[in-house]
Amino acid sequence: MTSGTGVERLAHDEDRVVRLFLAESCDDAPADMLLEVWQWWNGSFSAPGRPRTHP
């Protein structure tokens, strides 16, 4: 995943699946989006610990 405006744009996508993918897969995911996903997602099947243990 590339950083910059693409990640920022996807971080504000209304689809939760898009934001969940970023939280699990993108080290450049914005902090506000990670907090928002953290509130409704209990854990990851493909990346154990994320988004709660995101770098």
PDB file of N, CA and C in Angstrom:
ATOM      1  N   MET A   1       0.855  -1.181   0.000  1.00  0.00           N
ATOM      2  CA  MET A   1       0.000   0.000   0.000  1.00  0.00           C
ATOM      3  C   MET A   1       0.893   1.232   0.000  1.00  0.00           C
ATOM      4  N   THR A   2       0.587   2.159  -0.859  1.00  0.00           N
ATOM      5  CA  THR A   2       1.379   3.372  -0.918  1.00  0.00           C
ATOM      6  C   THR A   2       0.875   4.374   0.105  1.00  0.00           C
ATOM      7  N   SER A   3       1.769   5.235   0.540  1.00  0.00           N
ATOM      8  CA  SER A   3       1.377   6.241   1.516  1.00  0.00           C
ATOM      9  C   SER A   3       0.978   7.519   0.800  1.00  0.00           C
ATOM     10  N   GLY A   4       0.534   8.492   1.579  1.00  0.00           N
ATOM     11  CA  GLY A   4       0.178   9.772   0.995  1.00  0.00           C
ATOM     12  C   GLY A   4      -1.314   9.935   0.827  1.00  0.00           C
ATOM     13  N   THR A   5      -1.696  10.665  -0.199  1.00  0.00           N
ATOM     14  CA  THR A   5      -3.100  11.017  -0.378  1.00  0.00           C
ATOM     15  C   THR A   5      -3.996   9.808  -0.599  1.00  0.00           C
ATOM     16  N   GLY A   6      -3.496   8.751  -1.209  1.00  0.00           N
ATOM     17  CA  GLY A   6      -4.301   7.553  -1.410  1.00  0.00           C
ATOM     18  C   GLY A   6      -4.725   6.927  -0.094  1.00  0.00           C
ATOM     19  N   VAL A   7      -3.794   6.804   0.841  1.00  0.00           N
ATOM     20  CA  VAL A   7      -4.105   6.244   2.151  1.00  0.00           C
ATOM     21  C   VAL A   7      -5.059   7.171   2.894  1.00  0.00           C
ATOM     22  N   GLU A   8      -4.816   8.453   2.856  1.00  0.00           N
ATOM     23  CA  GLU A   8      -5.702   9.419   3.518  1.00  0.00           C
ATOM     24  C   GLU A   8      -7.115   9.338   2.959  1.00  0.00           C
ATOM     25  N   ARG A   9      -7.223   9.242   1.650  1.00  0.00           N
ATOM     26  CA  ARG A   9      -8.542   9.166   1.007  1.00  0.00           C
ATOM     27  C   ARG A   9      -9.257   7.877   1.418  1.00  0.00           C
ATOM     28  N   LEU A  10      -8.537   6.756   1.399  1.00  0.00           N
ATOM     29  CA  LEU A  10      -9.142   5.484   1.784  1.00  0.00           C
ATOM     30  C   LEU A  10      -9.481   5.439   3.276  1.00  0.00           C
ATOM     31  N   ALA A  11      -8.713   6.131   4.095  1.00  0.00           N
ATOM     32  CA  ALA A  11      -8.965   6.148   5.532  1.00  0.00           C
ATOM     33  C   ALA A  11     -10.291   6.802   5.874  1.00  0.00           C
ATOM     34  N   HIS A  12     -10.814   7.607   4.960  1.00  0.00           N
ATOM     35  CA  HIS A  12     -12.092   8.286   5.187  1.00  0.00           C
ATOM     36  C   HIS A  12     -13.205   7.692   4.346  1.00  0.00           C
ATOM     37  N   ASP A  13     -12.951   6.535   3.759  1.00  0.00           N
ATOM     38  CA  ASP A  13     -13.968   5.848   2.973  1.00  0.00           C
ATOM     39  C   ASP A  13     -15.102   5.430   3.908  1.00  0.00           C
ATOM     40  N   GLU A  14     -16.335   5.501   3.425  1.00  0.00           N
ATOM     41  CA  GLU A  14     -17.470   5.149   4.286  1.00  0.00           C
ATOM     42  C   GLU A  14     -17.609   3.641   4.493  1.00  0.00           C
ATOM     43  N   ASP A  15     -16.945   2.850   3.682  1.00  0.00           N
ATOM     44  CA  ASP A  15     -17.016   1.395   3.791  1.00  0.00           C
ATOM     45  C   ASP A  15     -16.072   0.899   4.891  1.00  0.00           C
ATOM     46  N   ARG A  16     -16.608   0.246   5.892  1.00  0.00           N
ATOM     47  CA  ARG A  16     -15.801  -0.251   7.008  1.00  0.00           C
ATOM     48  C   ARG A  16     -14.758  -1.266   6.565  1.00  0.00           C
ATOM     49  N   VAL A  17     -15.064  -2.040   5.533  1.00  0.00           N
ATOM     50  CA  VAL A  17     -14.117  -3.050   5.057  1.00  0.00           C
ATOM     51  C   VAL A  17     -12.841  -2.388   4.549  1.00  0.00           C
ATOM     52  N   VAL A  18     -12.965  -1.253   3.884  1.00  0.00           N
ATOM     53  CA  VAL A  18     -11.799  -0.515   3.384  1.00  0.00           C
ATOM     54  C   VAL A  18     -10.950  -0.053   4.559  1.00  0.00           C
ATOM     55  N   ARG A  19     -11.588   0.529   5.571  1.00  0.00           N
ATOM     56  CA  ARG A  19     -10.841   1.019   6.739  1.00  0.00           C
ATOM     57  C   ARG A  19     -10.229  -0.147   7.528  1.00  0.00           C
ATOM     58  N   LEU A  20     -10.946  -1.258   7.599  1.00  0.00           N
ATOM     59  CA  LEU A  20     -10.409  -2.430   8.274  1.00  0.00           C
ATOM     60  C   LEU A  20      -9.171  -2.952   7.554  1.00  0.00           C
ATOM     61  N   PHE A  21      -9.211  -3.005   6.229  1.00  0.00           N
ATOM     62  CA  PHE A  21      -8.042  -3.431   5.455  1.00  0.00           C
ATOM     63  C   PHE A  21      -6.841  -2.537   5.753  1.00  0.00           C
ATOM     64  N   LEU A  22      -7.048  -1.231   5.792  1.00  0.00           N
ATOM     65  CA  LEU A  22      -5.943  -0.319   6.100  1.00  0.00           C
ATOM     66  C   LEU A  22      -5.402  -0.556   7.510  1.00  0.00           C
ATOM     67  N   ALA A  23      -6.297  -0.756   8.463  1.00  0.00           N
ATOM     68  CA  ALA A  23      -5.865  -0.980   9.847  1.00  0.00           C
ATOM     69  C   ALA A  23      -5.023  -2.247   9.964  1.00  0.00           C
ATOM     70  N   GLU A  24      -5.362  -3.259   9.183  1.00  0.00           N
ATOM     71  CA  GLU A  24      -4.636  -4.523   9.246  1.00  0.00           C
ATOM     72  C   GLU A  24      -3.366  -4.526   8.409  1.00  0.00           C
ATOM     73  N   SER A  25      -3.350  -3.782   7.310  1.00  0.00           N
ATOM     74  CA  SER A  25      -2.296  -3.964   6.303  1.00  0.00           C
ATOM     75  C   SER A  25      -1.365  -2.786   6.080  1.00  0.00           C
ATOM     76  N   CYS A  26      -1.743  -1.623   6.528  1.00  0.00           N
ATOM     77  CA  CYS A  26      -0.982  -0.424   6.168  1.00  0.00           C
ATOM     78  C   CYS A  26      -0.327   0.202   7.395  1.00  0.00           C
ATOM     79  N   ASP A  27       0.998   0.187   7.425  1.00  0.00           N
ATOM     80  CA  ASP A  27       1.717   0.803   8.546  1.00  0.00           C
ATOM     81  C   ASP A  27       1.569   2.315   8.574  1.00  0.00           C
ATOM     82  N   ASP A  28       1.136   2.918   7.460  1.00  0.00           N
ATOM     83  CA  ASP A  28       0.961   4.367   7.391  1.00  0.00           C
ATOM     84  C   ASP A  28      -0.481   4.797   7.664  1.00  0.00           C
ATOM     85  N   ALA A  29      -1.297   3.896   8.186  1.00  0.00           N
ATOM     86  CA  ALA A  29      -2.692   4.234   8.452  1.00  0.00           C
ATOM     87  C   ALA A  29      -2.783   5.373   9.465  1.00  0.00           C
ATOM     88  N   PRO A  30      -3.657   6.339   9.217  1.00  0.00           N
ATOM     89  CA  PRO A  30      -3.799   7.484  10.120  1.00  0.00           C
ATOM     90  C   PRO A  30      -4.303   7.065  11.510  1.00  0.00           C
ATOM     91  N   ALA A  31      -3.800   7.716  12.516  1.00  0.00           N
ATOM     92  CA  ALA A  31      -4.142   7.379  13.900  1.00  0.00           C
ATOM     93  C   ALA A  31      -5.631   7.518  14.181  1.00  0.00           C
ATOM     94  N   ASP A  32      -6.276   8.553  13.655  1.00  0.00           N
ATOM     95  CA  ASP A  32      -7.700   8.740  13.929  1.00  0.00           C
ATOM     96  C   ASP A  32      -8.529   7.599  13.348  1.00  0.00           C
ATOM     97  N   MET A  33      -8.131   7.095  12.192  1.00  0.00           N
ATOM     98  CA  MET A  33      -8.840   5.970  11.597  1.00  0.00           C
ATOM     99  C   MET A  33      -8.612   4.705  12.417  1.00  0.00           C
ATOM    100  N   LEU A  34      -7.381   4.499  12.897  1.00  0.00           N
ATOM    101  CA  LEU A  34      -7.084   3.331  13.724  1.00  0.00           C
ATOM    102  C   LEU A  34      -7.924   3.336  15.003  1.00  0.00           C
ATOM    103  N   LEU A  35      -8.068   4.491  15.614  1.00  0.00           N
ATOM    104  CA  LEU A  35      -8.896   4.581  16.820  1.00  0.00           C
ATOM    105  C   LEU A  35     -10.352   4.272  16.516  1.00  0.00           C
ATOM    106  N   GLU A  36     -10.830   4.749  15.389  1.00  0.00           N
ATOM    107  CA  GLU A  36     -12.215   4.504  15.004  1.00  0.00           C
ATOM    108  C   GLU A  36     -12.438   3.011  14.756  1.00  0.00           C
ATOM    109  N   VAL A  37     -11.537   2.362  14.037  1.00  0.00           N
ATOM    110  CA  VAL A  37     -11.658   0.923  13.778  1.00  0.00           C
ATOM    111  C   VAL A  37     -11.515   0.150  15.086  1.00  0.00           C
ATOM    112  N   TRP A  38     -10.630   0.568  15.936  1.00  0.00           N
ATOM    113  CA  TRP A  38     -10.397  -0.085  17.226  1.00  0.00           C
ATOM    114  C   TRP A  38     -11.682  -0.156  18.052  1.00  0.00           C
ATOM    115  N   GLN A  39     -12.551   0.834  17.902  1.00  0.00           N
ATOM    116  CA  GLN A  39     -13.787   0.875  18.680  1.00  0.00           C
ATOM    117  C   GLN A  39     -14.789  -0.186  18.244  1.00  0.00           C
ATOM    118  N   TRP A  40     -14.775  -0.592  16.996  1.00  0.00           N
ATOM    119  CA  TRP A  40     -15.772  -1.567  16.545  1.00  0.00           C
ATOM    120  C   TRP A  40     -15.212  -2.907  16.089  1.00  0.00           C
ATOM    121  N   TRP A  41     -13.895  -3.055  15.983  1.00  0.00           N
ATOM    122  CA  TRP A  41     -13.334  -4.332  15.531  1.00  0.00           C
ATOM    123  C   TRP A  41     -12.602  -5.002  16.675  1.00  0.00           C
ATOM    124  N   ASN A  42     -12.937  -6.254  16.963  1.00  0.00           N
ATOM    125  CA  ASN A  42     -12.355  -6.980  18.103  1.00  0.00           C
ATOM    126  C   ASN A  42     -11.010  -7.622  17.816  1.00  0.00           C
ATOM    127  N   GLY A  43     -10.675  -7.831  16.579  1.00  0.00           N
ATOM    128  CA  GLY A  43      -9.400  -8.444  16.263  1.00  0.00           C
ATOM    129  C   GLY A  43      -9.322  -8.882  14.823  1.00  0.00           C
ATOM    130  N   SER A  44      -8.164  -9.273  14.415  1.00  0.00           N
ATOM    131  CA  SER A  44      -7.907  -9.613  13.030  1.00  0.00           C
ATOM    132  C   SER A  44      -7.719 -11.105  12.857  1.00  0.00           C
ATOM    133  N   PHE A  45      -8.257 -11.625  11.776  1.00  0.00           N
ATOM    134  CA  PHE A  45      -8.039 -13.019  11.439  1.00  0.00           C
ATOM    135  C   PHE A  45      -6.742 -13.187  10.649  1.00  0.00           C
ATOM    136  N   SER A  46      -6.404 -12.199   9.819  1.00  0.00           N
ATOM    137  CA  SER A  46      -5.238 -12.319   8.944  1.00  0.00           C
ATOM    138  C   SER A  46      -3.974 -11.710   9.537  1.00  0.00           C
ATOM    139  N   ALA A  47      -4.110 -10.769  10.449  1.00  0.00           N
ATOM    140  CA  ALA A  47      -2.952 -10.129  11.083  1.00  0.00           C
ATOM    141  C   ALA A  47      -3.223 -10.072  12.587  1.00  0.00           C
ATOM    142  N   PRO A  48      -2.964 -11.153  13.305  1.00  0.00           N
ATOM    143  CA  PRO A  48      -3.290 -11.214  14.735  1.00  0.00           C
ATOM    144  C   PRO A  48      -2.782 -10.011  15.517  1.00  0.00           C
ATOM    145  N   GLY A  49      -3.658  -9.459  16.340  1.00  0.00           N
ATOM    146  CA  GLY A  49      -3.293  -8.318  17.168  1.00  0.00           C
ATOM    147  C   GLY A  49      -3.677  -6.980  16.592  1.00  0.00           C
ATOM    148  N   ARG A  50      -3.797  -6.881  15.284  1.00  0.00           N
ATOM    149  CA  ARG A  50      -4.157  -5.595  14.683  1.00  0.00           C
ATOM    150  C   ARG A  50      -5.656  -5.409  14.717  1.00  0.00           C
ATOM    151  N   PRO A  51      -6.187  -4.233  14.865  1.00  0.00           N
ATOM    152  CA  PRO A  51      -5.498  -2.955  14.934  1.00  0.00           C
ATOM    153  C   PRO A  51      -4.975  -2.591  16.317  1.00  0.00           C
ATOM    154  N   ARG A  52      -5.255  -3.402  17.333  1.00  0.00           N
ATOM    155  CA  ARG A  52      -4.877  -3.025  18.697  1.00  0.00           C
ATOM    156  C   ARG A  52      -3.365  -2.963  18.915  1.00  0.00           C
ATOM    157  N   THR A  53      -2.578  -3.709  18.155  1.00  0.00           N
ATOM    158  CA  THR A  53      -1.119  -3.665  18.306  1.00  0.00           C
ATOM    159  C   THR A  53      -0.441  -3.042  17.101  1.00  0.00           C
ATOM    160  N   HIS A  54      -1.134  -2.127  16.441  1.00  0.00           N
ATOM    161  CA  HIS A  54      -0.577  -1.461  15.245  1.00  0.00           C
ATOM    162  C   HIS A  54       0.671  -0.689  15.632  1.00  0.00           C
ATOM    163  N   PRO A  55       1.687  -0.708  14.751  1.00  0.00           N
ATOM    164  CA  PRO A  55       2.941  -0.002  15.078  1.00  0.00           C
ATOM    165  C   PRO A  55       2.756   1.434  15.276  1.00  0.00           C
TER     166      PRO A  55
END
